[in-house]
Amino acid sequence: MAQEIRPGQALFVWRDVNLDLVRQGAPDLSSRQYAILMTIYLDLPPHTVRGLAEKLRVTKPVITRALDTMGKLGLVTRERDALDRRNVVIKRTVAGAQAVDGLAELIVAHFRELSR
């Protein structure tokens, strides 16, 4: 059964999750970068720079800059599409999957604290 959460509680969860990310030394990603990362890991592939830009309603350079940062952190990789060399395909990594899973676990843990 789904549990109801009030707006104020949601903000405390969001703040506490972010505090944990900072304390754990997690990569310092912007909200935009997290939105891109979540899209890559939660939506079915393939993911392209063009497709992500359209989905998030931002420009391709915005996606490229975010992917540069996430690539340096090992959260994603990029490859040219073998069928259409104009496209760049974004690939998931083990480190990226672990980061997303860790974020989900933090959110769940803080949400459960509200239930107590």
PDB file of N, CA and C in Angstrom:
ATOM      1  N   MET A   1       0.827  -1.165   0.000  1.00  0.00           N
ATOM      2  CA  MET A   1       0.000   0.000   0.000  1.00  0.00           C
ATOM      3  C   MET A   1       0.885   1.247   0.000  1.00  0.00           C
ATOM      4  N   ALA A   2       0.588   2.203  -0.864  1.00  0.00           N
ATOM      5  CA  ALA A   2       1.373   3.426  -0.974  1.00  0.00           C
ATOM      6  C   ALA A   2       1.164   4.289   0.265  1.00  0.00           C
ATOM      7  N   GLN A   3       2.242   4.899   0.705  1.00  0.00           N
ATOM      8  CA  GLN A   3       2.173   5.766   1.871  1.00  0.00           C
ATOM      9  C   GLN A   3       2.137   7.213   1.406  1.00  0.00           C
ATOM     10  N   GLU A   4       1.341   8.013   2.036  1.00  0.00           N
ATOM     11  CA  GLU A   4       1.200   9.428   1.705  1.00  0.00           C
ATOM     12  C   GLU A   4       2.355  10.209   2.326  1.00  0.00           C
ATOM     13  N   ILE A   5       2.850  11.196   1.604  1.00  0.00           N
ATOM     14  CA  ILE A   5       3.909  12.064   2.120  1.00  0.00           C
ATOM     15  C   ILE A   5       3.477  13.515   1.879  1.00  0.00           C
ATOM     16  N   ARG A   6       3.666  14.341   2.878  1.00  0.00           N
ATOM     17  CA  ARG A   6       3.297  15.755   2.764  1.00  0.00           C
ATOM     18  C   ARG A   6       4.451  16.531   2.121  1.00  0.00           C
ATOM     19  N   PRO A   7       4.150  17.676   1.510  1.00  0.00           N
ATOM     20  CA  PRO A   7       5.198  18.461   0.855  1.00  0.00           C
ATOM     21  C   PRO A   7       6.371  18.799   1.776  1.00  0.00           C
ATOM     22  N   GLY A   8       6.079  19.195   3.006  1.00  0.00           N
ATOM     23  CA  GLY A   8       7.157  19.509   3.942  1.00  0.00           C
ATOM     24  C   GLY A   8       8.044  18.305   4.221  1.00  0.00           C
ATOM     25  N   GLN A   9       7.424  17.141   4.355  1.00  0.00           N
ATOM     26  CA  GLN A   9       8.190  15.913   4.575  1.00  0.00           C
ATOM     27  C   GLN A   9       9.066  15.599   3.359  1.00  0.00           C
ATOM     28  N   ALA A  10       8.509  15.798   2.178  1.00  0.00           N
ATOM     29  CA  ALA A  10       9.263  15.531   0.948  1.00  0.00           C
ATOM     30  C   ALA A  10      10.522  16.400   0.890  1.00  0.00           C
ATOM     31  N   LEU A  11      10.390  17.644   1.312  1.00  0.00           N
ATOM     32  CA  LEU A  11      11.548  18.535   1.308  1.00  0.00           C
ATOM     33  C   LEU A  11      12.605  18.089   2.313  1.00  0.00           C
ATOM     34  N   PHE A  12      12.168  17.606   3.481  1.00  0.00           N
ATOM     35  CA  PHE A  12      13.133  17.087   4.452  1.00  0.00           C
ATOM     36  C   PHE A  12      13.856  15.866   3.899  1.00  0.00           C
ATOM     37  N   VAL A  13      13.122  14.976   3.228  1.00  0.00           N
ATOM     38  CA  VAL A  13      13.755  13.798   2.616  1.00  0.00           C
ATOM     39  C   VAL A  13      14.774  14.242   1.586  1.00  0.00           C
ATOM     40  N   TRP A  14      14.388  15.175   0.728  1.00  0.00           N
ATOM     41  CA  TRP A  14      15.288  15.657  -0.319  1.00  0.00           C
ATOM     42  C   TRP A  14      16.546  16.271   0.296  1.00  0.00           C
ATOM     43  N   ARG A  15      16.352  17.120   1.322  1.00  0.00           N
ATOM     44  CA  ARG A  15      17.496  17.726   1.982  1.00  0.00           C
ATOM     45  C   ARG A  15      18.397  16.673   2.626  1.00  0.00           C
ATOM     46  N   ASP A  16      17.802  15.726   3.343  1.00  0.00           N
ATOM     47  CA  ASP A  16      18.590  14.721   4.044  1.00  0.00           C
ATOM     48  C   ASP A  16      19.338  13.800   3.085  1.00  0.00           C
ATOM     49  N   VAL A  17      18.721  13.468   1.963  1.00  0.00           N
ATOM     50  CA  VAL A  17      19.401  12.652   0.950  1.00  0.00           C
ATOM     51  C   VAL A  17      20.601  13.430   0.408  1.00  0.00           C
ATOM     52  N   ASN A  18      20.402  14.705   0.120  1.00  0.00           N
ATOM     53  CA  ASN A  18      21.508  15.510  -0.388  1.00  0.00           C
ATOM     54  C   ASN A  18      22.619  15.668   0.637  1.00  0.00           C
ATOM     55  N   LEU A  19      22.250  15.831   1.910  1.00  0.00           N
ATOM     56  CA  LEU A  19      23.272  15.894   2.960  1.00  0.00           C
ATOM     57  C   LEU A  19      24.079  14.603   3.015  1.00  0.00           C
ATOM     58  N   ASP A  20      23.398  13.462   2.913  1.00  0.00           N
ATOM     59  CA  ASP A  20      24.108  12.177   2.916  1.00  0.00           C
ATOM     60  C   ASP A  20      25.046  12.058   1.715  1.00  0.00           C
ATOM     61  N   LEU A  21      24.603  12.507   0.555  1.00  0.00           N
ATOM     62  CA  LEU A  21      25.458  12.459  -0.634  1.00  0.00           C
ATOM     63  C   LEU A  21      26.722  13.286  -0.420  1.00  0.00           C
ATOM     64  N   VAL A  22      26.561  14.464   0.194  1.00  0.00           N
ATOM     65  CA  VAL A  22      27.714  15.320   0.464  1.00  0.00           C
ATOM     66  C   VAL A  22      28.634  14.651   1.482  1.00  0.00           C
ATOM     67  N   ARG A  23      28.065  14.125   2.545  1.00  0.00           N
ATOM     68  CA  ARG A  23      28.861  13.505   3.613  1.00  0.00           C
ATOM     69  C   ARG A  23      29.589  12.251   3.128  1.00  0.00           C
ATOM     70  N   GLN A  24      28.981  11.533   2.200  1.00  0.00           N
ATOM     71  CA  GLN A  24      29.591  10.308   1.681  1.00  0.00           C
ATOM     72  C   GLN A  24      30.639  10.592   0.612  1.00  0.00           C
ATOM     73  N   GLY A  25      30.725  11.832   0.196  1.00  0.00           N
ATOM     74  CA  GLY A  25      31.679  12.173  -0.848  1.00  0.00           C
ATOM     75  C   GLY A  25      31.214  11.732  -2.230  1.00  0.00           C
ATOM     76  N   ALA A  26      29.913  11.623  -2.400  1.00  0.00           N
ATOM     77  CA  ALA A  26      29.367  11.250  -3.705  1.00  0.00           C
ATOM     78  C   ALA A  26      29.706  12.333  -4.720  1.00  0.00           C
ATOM     79  N   PRO A  27      29.709  11.986  -6.008  1.00  0.00           N
ATOM     80  CA  PRO A  27      29.989  13.007  -7.018  1.00  0.00           C
ATOM     81  C   PRO A  27      29.054  14.203  -6.871  1.00  0.00           C
ATOM     82  N   ASP A  28      29.603  15.380  -7.044  1.00  0.00           N
ATOM     83  CA  ASP A  28      28.842  16.614  -6.882  1.00  0.00           C
ATOM     84  C   ASP A  28      28.160  16.956  -8.200  1.00  0.00           C
ATOM     85  N   LEU A  29      27.012  16.327  -8.436  1.00  0.00           N
ATOM     86  CA  LEU A  29      26.263  16.551  -9.669  1.00  0.00           C
ATOM     87  C   LEU A  29      25.187  17.607  -9.465  1.00  0.00           C
ATOM     88  N   SER A  30      24.922  18.363 -10.516  1.00  0.00           N
ATOM     89  CA  SER A  30      23.848  19.352 -10.466  1.00  0.00           C
ATOM     90  C   SER A  30      22.501  18.649 -10.618  1.00  0.00           C
ATOM     91  N   SER A  31      21.448  19.374 -10.367  1.00  0.00           N
ATOM     92  CA  SER A  31      20.106  18.811 -10.560  1.00  0.00           C
ATOM     93  C   SER A  31      19.919  18.381 -12.011  1.00  0.00           C
ATOM     94  N   ARG A  32      20.401  19.184 -12.944  1.00  0.00           N
ATOM     95  CA  ARG A  32      20.308  18.844 -14.365  1.00  0.00           C
ATOM     96  C   ARG A  32      21.060  17.543 -14.661  1.00  0.00           C
ATOM     97  N   GLN A  33      22.258  17.417 -14.096  1.00  0.00           N
ATOM     98  CA  GLN A  33      23.045  16.199 -14.320  1.00  0.00           C
ATOM     99  C   GLN A  33      22.354  14.983 -13.717  1.00  0.00           C
ATOM    100  N   TYR A  34      21.762  15.148 -12.527  1.00  0.00           N
ATOM    101  CA  TYR A  34      21.012  14.033 -11.943  1.00  0.00           C
ATOM    102  C   TYR A  34      19.814  13.668 -12.809  1.00  0.00           C
ATOM    103  N   ALA A  35      19.136  14.662 -13.371  1.00  0.00           N
ATOM    104  CA  ALA A  35      17.987  14.379 -14.241  1.00  0.00           C
ATOM    105  C   ALA A  35      18.426  13.579 -15.467  1.00  0.00           C
ATOM    106  N   ILE A  36      19.559  13.940 -16.025  1.00  0.00           N
ATOM    107  CA  ILE A  36      20.083  13.210 -17.180  1.00  0.00           C
ATOM    108  C   ILE A  36      20.486  11.798 -16.769  1.00  0.00           C
ATOM    109  N   LEU A  37      21.188  11.680 -15.655  1.00  0.00           N
ATOM    110  CA  LEU A  37      21.619  10.366 -15.177  1.00  0.00           C
ATOM    111  C   LEU A  37      20.430   9.453 -14.908  1.00  0.00           C
ATOM    112  N   MET A  38      19.421   9.982 -14.235  1.00  0.00           N
ATOM    113  CA  MET A  38      18.225   9.178 -13.943  1.00  0.00           C
ATOM    114  C   MET A  38      17.520   8.756 -15.226  1.00  0.00           C
ATOM    115  N   THR A  39      17.468   9.635 -16.199  1.00  0.00           N
ATOM    116  CA  THR A  39      16.838   9.291 -17.473  1.00  0.00           C
ATOM    117  C   THR A  39      17.593   8.156 -18.146  1.00  0.00           C
ATOM    118  N   ILE A  40      18.904   8.219 -18.129  1.00  0.00           N
ATOM    119  CA  ILE A  40      19.722   7.170 -18.749  1.00  0.00           C
ATOM    120  C   ILE A  40      19.504   5.827 -18.056  1.00  0.00           C
ATOM    121  N   TYR A  41      19.400   5.839 -16.739  1.00  0.00           N
ATOM    122  CA  TYR A  41      19.306   4.588 -15.993  1.00  0.00           C
ATOM    123  C   TYR A  41      17.881   4.090 -15.770  1.00  0.00           C
ATOM    124  N   LEU A  42      16.891   4.952 -15.849  1.00  0.00           N
ATOM    125  CA  LEU A  42      15.517   4.513 -15.596  1.00  0.00           C
ATOM    126  C   LEU A  42      14.719   4.253 -16.873  1.00  0.00           C
ATOM    127  N   ASP A  43      15.063   4.940 -17.948  1.00  0.00           N
ATOM    128  CA  ASP A  43      14.372   4.732 -19.219  1.00  0.00           C
ATOM    129  C   ASP A  43      15.143   3.727 -20.066  1.00  0.00           C
ATOM    130  N   LEU A  44      14.420   2.962 -20.834  1.00  0.00           N
ATOM    131  CA  LEU A  44      15.061   1.945 -21.677  1.00  0.00           C
ATOM    132  C   LEU A  44      15.989   2.576 -22.711  1.00  0.00           C
ATOM    133  N   PRO A  45      17.156   1.960 -22.934  1.00  0.00           N
ATOM    134  CA  PRO A  45      18.054   2.452 -23.972  1.00  0.00           C
ATOM    135  C   PRO A  45      17.511   2.080 -25.363  1.00  0.00           C
ATOM    136  N   PRO A  46      18.072   2.595 -26.411  1.00  0.00           N
ATOM    137  CA  PRO A  46      19.292   3.401 -26.462  1.00  0.00           C
ATOM    138  C   PRO A  46      19.024   4.861 -26.129  1.00  0.00           C
ATOM    139  N   HIS A  47      20.089   5.513 -25.643  1.00  0.00           N
ATOM    140  CA  HIS A  47      20.032   6.938 -25.346  1.00  0.00           C
ATOM    141  C   HIS A  47      21.057   7.645 -26.217  1.00  0.00           C
ATOM    142  N   THR A  48      20.633   8.718 -26.838  1.00  0.00           N
ATOM    143  CA  THR A  48      21.530   9.537 -27.652  1.00  0.00           C
ATOM    144  C   THR A  48      21.533  10.952 -27.110  1.00  0.00           C
ATOM    145  N   VAL A  49      22.556  11.694 -27.480  1.00  0.00           N
ATOM    146  CA  VAL A  49      22.625  13.095 -27.080  1.00  0.00           C
ATOM    147  C   VAL A  49      21.388  13.824 -27.602  1.00  0.00           C
ATOM    148  N   ARG A  50      21.065  13.607 -28.853  1.00  0.00           N
ATOM    149  CA  ARG A  50      19.903  14.255 -29.458  1.00  0.00           C
ATOM    150  C   ARG A  50      18.610  13.872 -28.731  1.00  0.00           C
ATOM    151  N   GLY A  51      18.439  12.593 -28.446  1.00  0.00           N
ATOM    152  CA  GLY A  51      17.232  12.120 -27.776  1.00  0.00           C
ATOM    153  C   GLY A  51      17.094  12.658 -26.360  1.00  0.00           C
ATOM    154  N   LEU A  52      18.212  12.699 -25.631  1.00  0.00           N
ATOM    155  CA  LEU A  52      18.177  13.251 -24.274  1.00  0.00           C
ATOM    156  C   LEU A  52      17.860  14.736 -24.298  1.00  0.00           C
ATOM    157  N   ALA A  53      18.434  15.458 -25.256  1.00  0.00           N
ATOM    158  CA  ALA A  53      18.175  16.893 -25.362  1.00  0.00           C
ATOM    159  C   ALA A  53      16.687  17.145 -25.617  1.00  0.00           C
ATOM    160  N   GLU A  54      16.103  16.353 -26.496  1.00  0.00           N
ATOM    161  CA  GLU A  54      14.672  16.513 -26.783  1.00  0.00           C
ATOM    162  C   GLU A  54      13.827  16.177 -25.558  1.00  0.00           C
ATOM    163  N   LYS A  55      14.140  15.077 -24.914  1.00  0.00           N
ATOM    164  CA  LYS A  55      13.346  14.626 -23.759  1.00  0.00           C
ATOM    165  C   LYS A  55      13.390  15.625 -22.607  1.00  0.00           C
ATOM    166  N   LEU A  56      14.585  16.159 -22.336  1.00  0.00           N
ATOM    167  CA  LEU A  56      14.752  17.085 -21.204  1.00  0.00           C
ATOM    168  C   LEU A  56      14.522  18.544 -21.608  1.00  0.00           C
ATOM    169  N   ARG A  57      14.271  18.763 -22.881  1.00  0.00           N
ATOM    170  CA  ARG A  57      14.017  20.114 -23.414  1.00  0.00           C
ATOM    171  C   ARG A  57      15.158  21.073 -23.129  1.00  0.00           C
ATOM    172  N   VAL A  58      16.362  20.601 -23.432  1.00  0.00           N
ATOM    173  CA  VAL A  58      17.566  21.419 -23.336  1.00  0.00           C
ATOM    174  C   VAL A  58      18.330  21.260 -24.647  1.00  0.00           C
ATOM    175  N   THR A  59      19.407  22.004 -24.798  1.00  0.00           N
ATOM    176  CA  THR A  59      20.195  21.913 -26.025  1.00  0.00           C
ATOM    177  C   THR A  59      21.171  20.741 -25.961  1.00  0.00           C
ATOM    178  N   LYS A  60      21.655  20.342 -27.128  1.00  0.00           N
ATOM    179  CA  LYS A  60      22.642  19.262 -27.173  1.00  0.00           C
ATOM    180  C   LYS A  60      23.934  19.622 -26.427  1.00  0.00           C
ATOM    181  N   PRO A  61      24.409  20.876 -26.502  1.00  0.00           N
ATOM    182  CA  PRO A  61      25.603  21.214 -25.718  1.00  0.00           C
ATOM    183  C   PRO A  61      25.414  21.038 -24.202  1.00  0.00           C
ATOM    184  N   VAL A  62      24.201  21.278 -23.708  1.00  0.00           N
ATOM    185  CA  VAL A  62      23.916  21.064 -22.283  1.00  0.00           C
ATOM    186  C   VAL A  62      24.117  19.586 -21.944  1.00  0.00           C
ATOM    187  N   ILE A  63      23.587  18.718 -22.789  1.00  0.00           N
ATOM    188  CA  ILE A  63      23.739  17.270 -22.576  1.00  0.00           C
ATOM    189  C   ILE A  63      25.204  16.881 -22.674  1.00  0.00           C
ATOM    190  N   THR A  64      25.891  17.396 -23.668  1.00  0.00           N
ATOM    191  CA  THR A  64      27.299  17.059 -23.869  1.00  0.00           C
ATOM    192  C   THR A  64      28.138  17.449 -22.659  1.00  0.00           C
ATOM    193  N   ARG A  65      27.920  18.649 -22.129  1.00  0.00           N
ATOM    194  CA  ARG A  65      28.688  19.078 -20.940  1.00  0.00           C
ATOM    195  C   ARG A  65      28.405  18.164 -19.744  1.00  0.00           C
ATOM    196  N   ALA A  66      27.144  17.823 -19.555  1.00  0.00           N
ATOM    197  CA  ALA A  66      26.797  16.933 -18.445  1.00  0.00           C
ATOM    198  C   ALA A  66      27.439  15.560 -18.634  1.00  0.00           C
ATOM    199  N   LEU A  67      27.405  15.061 -19.852  1.00  0.00           N
ATOM    200  CA  LEU A  67      28.006  13.750 -20.130  1.00  0.00           C
ATOM    201  C   LEU A  67      29.521  13.782 -19.958  1.00  0.00           C
ATOM    202  N   ASP A  68      30.147  14.924 -20.267  1.00  0.00           N
ATOM    203  CA  ASP A  68      31.593  15.056 -20.030  1.00  0.00           C
ATOM    204  C   ASP A  68      31.903  14.831 -18.558  1.00  0.00           C
ATOM    205  N   THR A  69      31.139  15.490 -17.693  1.00  0.00           N
ATOM    206  CA  THR A  69      31.338  15.345 -16.247  1.00  0.00           C
ATOM    207  C   THR A  69      31.064  13.916 -15.800  1.00  0.00           C
ATOM    208  N   MET A  70      29.925  13.364 -16.237  1.00  0.00           N
ATOM    209  CA  MET A  70      29.562  12.006 -15.818  1.00  0.00           C
ATOM    210  C   MET A  70      30.529  10.972 -16.375  1.00  0.00           C
ATOM    211  N   GLY A  71      31.074  11.235 -17.555  1.00  0.00           N
ATOM    212  CA  GLY A  71      32.068  10.327 -18.131  1.00  0.00           C
ATOM    213  C   GLY A  71      33.350  10.310 -17.318  1.00  0.00           C
ATOM    214  N   LYS A  72      33.804  11.502 -16.882  1.00  0.00           N
ATOM    215  CA  LYS A  72      35.011  11.588 -16.049  1.00  0.00           C
ATOM    216  C   LYS A  72      34.826  10.856 -14.726  1.00  0.00           C
ATOM    217  N   LEU A  73      33.587  10.823 -14.251  1.00  0.00           N
ATOM    218  CA  LEU A  73      33.286  10.126 -12.994  1.00  0.00           C
ATOM    219  C   LEU A  73      33.015   8.638 -13.201  1.00  0.00           C
ATOM    220  N   GLY A  74      32.997   8.192 -14.450  1.00  0.00           N
ATOM    221  CA  GLY A  74      32.762   6.778 -14.749  1.00  0.00           C
ATOM    222  C   GLY A  74      31.300   6.365 -14.667  1.00  0.00           C
ATOM    223  N   LEU A  75      30.388   7.337 -14.671  1.00  0.00           N
ATOM    224  CA  LEU A  75      28.967   7.017 -14.531  1.00  0.00           C
ATOM    225  C   LEU A  75      28.332   6.604 -15.857  1.00  0.00           C
ATOM    226  N   VAL A  76      28.903   7.052 -16.962  1.00  0.00           N
ATOM    227  CA  VAL A  76      28.426   6.710 -18.306  1.00  0.00           C
ATOM    228  C   VAL A  76      29.617   6.685 -19.252  1.00  0.00           C
ATOM    229  N   THR A  77      29.415   6.064 -20.400  1.00  0.00           N
ATOM    230  CA  THR A  77      30.384   6.153 -21.490  1.00  0.00           C
ATOM    231  C   THR A  77      29.623   6.546 -22.746  1.00  0.00           C
ATOM    232  N   ARG A  78      30.370   6.962 -23.767  1.00  0.00           N
ATOM    233  CA  ARG A  78      29.761   7.341 -25.045  1.00  0.00           C
ATOM    234  C   ARG A  78      30.453   6.618 -26.180  1.00  0.00           C
ATOM    235  N   GLU A  79      29.650   6.255 -27.180  1.00  0.00           N
ATOM    236  CA  GLU A  79      30.174   5.612 -28.382  1.00  0.00           C
ATOM    237  C   GLU A  79      29.436   6.167 -29.586  1.00  0.00           C
ATOM    238  N   ARG A  80      30.115   6.197 -30.709  1.00  0.00           N
ATOM    239  CA  ARG A  80      29.437   6.551 -31.959  1.00  0.00           C
ATOM    240  C   ARG A  80      28.518   5.408 -32.344  1.00  0.00           C
ATOM    241  N   ASP A  81      27.343   5.741 -32.821  1.00  0.00           N
ATOM    242  CA  ASP A  81      26.380   4.747 -33.297  1.00  0.00           C
ATOM    243  C   ASP A  81      26.935   4.122 -34.565  1.00  0.00           C
ATOM    244  N   ALA A  82      27.080   2.810 -34.563  1.00  0.00           N
ATOM    245  CA  ALA A  82      27.642   2.114 -35.724  1.00  0.00           C
ATOM    246  C   ALA A  82      26.760   2.253 -36.962  1.00  0.00           C
ATOM    247  N   LEU A  83      25.458   2.368 -36.774  1.00  0.00           N
ATOM    248  CA  LEU A  83      24.535   2.480 -37.908  1.00  0.00           C
ATOM    249  C   LEU A  83      24.413   3.911 -38.425  1.00  0.00           C
ATOM    250  N   ASP A  84      24.527   4.877 -37.553  1.00  0.00           N
ATOM    251  CA  ASP A  84      24.431   6.286 -37.937  1.00  0.00           C
ATOM    252  C   ASP A  84      25.526   7.042 -37.200  1.00  0.00           C
ATOM    253  N   ARG A  85      26.652   7.226 -37.841  1.00  0.00           N
ATOM    254  CA  ARG A  85      27.839   7.800 -37.211  1.00  0.00           C
ATOM    255  C   ARG A  85      27.616   9.227 -36.689  1.00  0.00           C
ATOM    256  N   ARG A  86      26.508   9.865 -37.084  1.00  0.00           N
ATOM    257  CA  ARG A  86      26.208  11.207 -36.572  1.00  0.00           C
ATOM    258  C   ARG A  86      25.740  11.147 -35.128  1.00  0.00           C
ATOM    259  N   ASN A  87      25.182  10.020 -34.726  1.00  0.00           N
ATOM    260  CA  ASN A  87      24.644   9.873 -33.370  1.00  0.00           C
ATOM    261  C   ASN A  87      25.694   9.366 -32.396  1.00  0.00           C
ATOM    262  N   VAL A  88      25.600   9.854 -31.178  1.00  0.00           N
ATOM    263  CA  VAL A  88      26.425   9.368 -30.074  1.00  0.00           C
ATOM    264  C   VAL A  88      25.494   8.626 -29.132  1.00  0.00           C
ATOM    265  N   VAL A  89      25.830   7.356 -28.844  1.00  0.00           N
ATOM    266  CA  VAL A  89      25.013   6.529 -27.966  1.00  0.00           C
ATOM    267  C   VAL A  89      25.641   6.548 -26.579  1.00  0.00           C
ATOM    268  N   ILE A  90      24.812   6.791 -25.585  1.00  0.00           N
ATOM    269  CA  ILE A  90      25.280   6.819 -24.201  1.00  0.00           C
ATOM    270  C   ILE A  90      25.065   5.445 -23.591  1.00  0.00           C
ATOM    271  N   LYS A  91      26.112   4.916 -22.980  1.00  0.00           N
ATOM    272  CA  LYS A  91      26.068   3.588 -22.378  1.00  0.00           C
ATOM    273  C   LYS A  91      26.142   3.690 -20.865  1.00  0.00           C
ATOM    274  N   ARG A  92      25.442   2.801 -20.217  1.00  0.00           N
ATOM    275  CA  ARG A  92      25.485   2.703 -18.758  1.00  0.00           C
ATOM    276  C   ARG A  92      26.779   2.013 -18.340  1.00  0.00           C
ATOM    277  N   THR A  93      27.198   2.266 -17.103  1.00  0.00           N
ATOM    278  CA  THR A  93      28.373   1.599 -16.544  1.00  0.00           C
ATOM    279  C   THR A  93      28.001   0.964 -15.205  1.00  0.00           C
ATOM    280  N   VAL A  94      28.842   0.085 -14.742  1.00  0.00           N
ATOM    281  CA  VAL A  94      28.628  -0.532 -13.431  1.00  0.00           C
ATOM    282  C   VAL A  94      28.664   0.547 -12.348  1.00  0.00           C
ATOM    283  N   ALA A  95      29.644   1.444 -12.439  1.00  0.00           N
ATOM    284  CA  ALA A  95      29.753   2.516 -11.439  1.00  0.00           C
ATOM    285  C   ALA A  95      28.508   3.406 -11.448  1.00  0.00           C
ATOM    286  N   GLY A  96      27.983   3.679 -12.618  1.00  0.00           N
ATOM    287  CA  GLY A  96      26.767   4.486 -12.715  1.00  0.00           C
ATOM    288  C   GLY A  96      25.574   3.781 -12.110  1.00  0.00           C
ATOM    289  N   ALA A  97      25.449   2.494 -12.401  1.00  0.00           N
ATOM    290  CA  ALA A  97      24.342   1.714 -11.842  1.00  0.00           C
ATOM    291  C   ALA A  97      24.439   1.663 -10.318  1.00  0.00           C
ATOM    292  N   GLN A  98      25.646   1.525  -9.802  1.00  0.00           N
ATOM    293  CA  GLN A  98      25.834   1.504  -8.348  1.00  0.00           C
ATOM    294  C   GLN A  98      25.482   2.857  -7.729  1.00  0.00           C
ATOM    295  N   ALA A  99      25.835   3.936  -8.409  1.00  0.00           N
ATOM    296  CA  ALA A  99      25.511   5.265  -7.905  1.00  0.00           C
ATOM    297  C   ALA A  99      24.002   5.481  -7.867  1.00  0.00           C
ATOM    298  N   VAL A 100      23.310   5.055  -8.911  1.00  0.00           N
ATOM    299  CA  VAL A 100      21.853   5.206  -8.960  1.00  0.00           C
ATOM    300  C   VAL A 100      21.199   4.335  -7.901  1.00  0.00           C
ATOM    301  N   ASP A 101      21.681   3.101  -7.754  1.00  0.00           N
ATOM    302  CA  ASP A 101      21.139   2.217  -6.720  1.00  0.00           C
ATOM    303  C   ASP A 101      21.367   2.798  -5.329  1.00  0.00           C
ATOM    304  N   GLY A 102      22.546   3.360  -5.099  1.00  0.00           N
ATOM    305  CA  GLY A 102      22.848   3.971  -3.806  1.00  0.00           C
ATOM    306  C   GLY A 102      21.940   5.154  -3.518  1.00  0.00           C
ATOM    307  N   LEU A 103      21.665   5.944  -4.542  1.00  0.00           N
ATOM    308  CA  LEU A 103      20.746   7.070  -4.383  1.00  0.00           C
ATOM    309  C   LEU A 103      19.351   6.580  -4.023  1.00  0.00           C
ATOM    310  N   ALA A 104      18.901   5.543  -4.716  1.00  0.00           N
ATOM    311  CA  ALA A 104      17.573   4.976  -4.426  1.00  0.00           C
ATOM    312  C   ALA A 104      17.512   4.462  -2.991  1.00  0.00           C
ATOM    313  N   GLU A 105      18.562   3.797  -2.531  1.00  0.00           N
ATOM    314  CA  GLU A 105      18.589   3.281  -1.165  1.00  0.00           C
ATOM    315  C   GLU A 105      18.524   4.419  -0.139  1.00  0.00           C
ATOM    316  N   LEU A 106      19.233   5.522  -0.414  1.00  0.00           N
ATOM    317  CA  LEU A 106      19.175   6.668   0.496  1.00  0.00           C
ATOM    318  C   LEU A 106      17.764   7.242   0.567  1.00  0.00           C
ATOM    319  N   ILE A 107      17.129   7.371  -0.584  1.00  0.00           N
ATOM    320  CA  ILE A 107      15.772   7.916  -0.619  1.00  0.00           C
ATOM    321  C   ILE A 107      14.827   7.022   0.178  1.00  0.00           C
ATOM    322  N   VAL A 108      14.921   5.725  -0.033  1.00  0.00           N
ATOM    323  CA  VAL A 108      14.051   4.784   0.680  1.00  0.00           C
ATOM    324  C   VAL A 108      14.315   4.855   2.181  1.00  0.00           C
ATOM    325  N   ALA A 109      15.573   4.884   2.573  1.00  0.00           N
ATOM    326  CA  ALA A 109      15.918   4.925   3.993  1.00  0.00           C
ATOM    327  C   ALA A 109      15.337   6.170   4.667  1.00  0.00           C
ATOM    328  N   HIS A 110      15.467   7.311   4.018  1.00  0.00           N
ATOM    329  CA  HIS A 110      14.938   8.540   4.613  1.00  0.00           C
ATOM    330  C   HIS A 110      13.415   8.575   4.592  1.00  0.00           C
ATOM    331  N   PHE A 111      12.832   8.001   3.580  1.00  0.00           N
ATOM    332  CA  PHE A 111      11.370   7.922   3.535  1.00  0.00           C
ATOM    333  C   PHE A 111      10.861   7.029   4.668  1.00  0.00           C
ATOM    334  N   ARG A 112      11.561   5.927   4.919  1.00  0.00           N
ATOM    335  CA  ARG A 112      11.160   5.024   6.006  1.00  0.00           C
ATOM    336  C   ARG A 112      11.268   5.696   7.362  1.00  0.00           C
ATOM    337  N   GLU A 113      12.240   6.594   7.525  1.00  0.00           N
ATOM    338  CA  GLU A 113      12.384   7.321   8.798  1.00  0.00           C
ATOM    339  C   GLU A 113      11.126   8.140   9.087  1.00  0.00           C
ATOM    340  N   LEU A 114      10.463   8.615   8.047  1.00  0.00           N
ATOM    341  CA  LEU A 114       9.232   9.369   8.241  1.00  0.00           C
ATOM    342  C   LEU A 114       8.123   8.500   8.833  1.00  0.00           C
ATOM    343  N   SER A 115       8.174   7.220   8.518  1.00  0.00           N
ATOM    344  CA  SER A 115       7.124   6.292   8.949  1.00  0.00           C
ATOM    345  C   SER A 115       7.232   5.937  10.426  1.00  0.00           C
ATOM    346  N   ARG A 116       8.369   6.197  11.009  1.00  0.00           N
ATOM    347  CA  ARG A 116       8.595   5.812  12.406  1.00  0.00           C
ATOM    348  C   ARG A 116       7.994   6.792  13.360  1.00  0.00           C
TER     349      ARG A 116
END
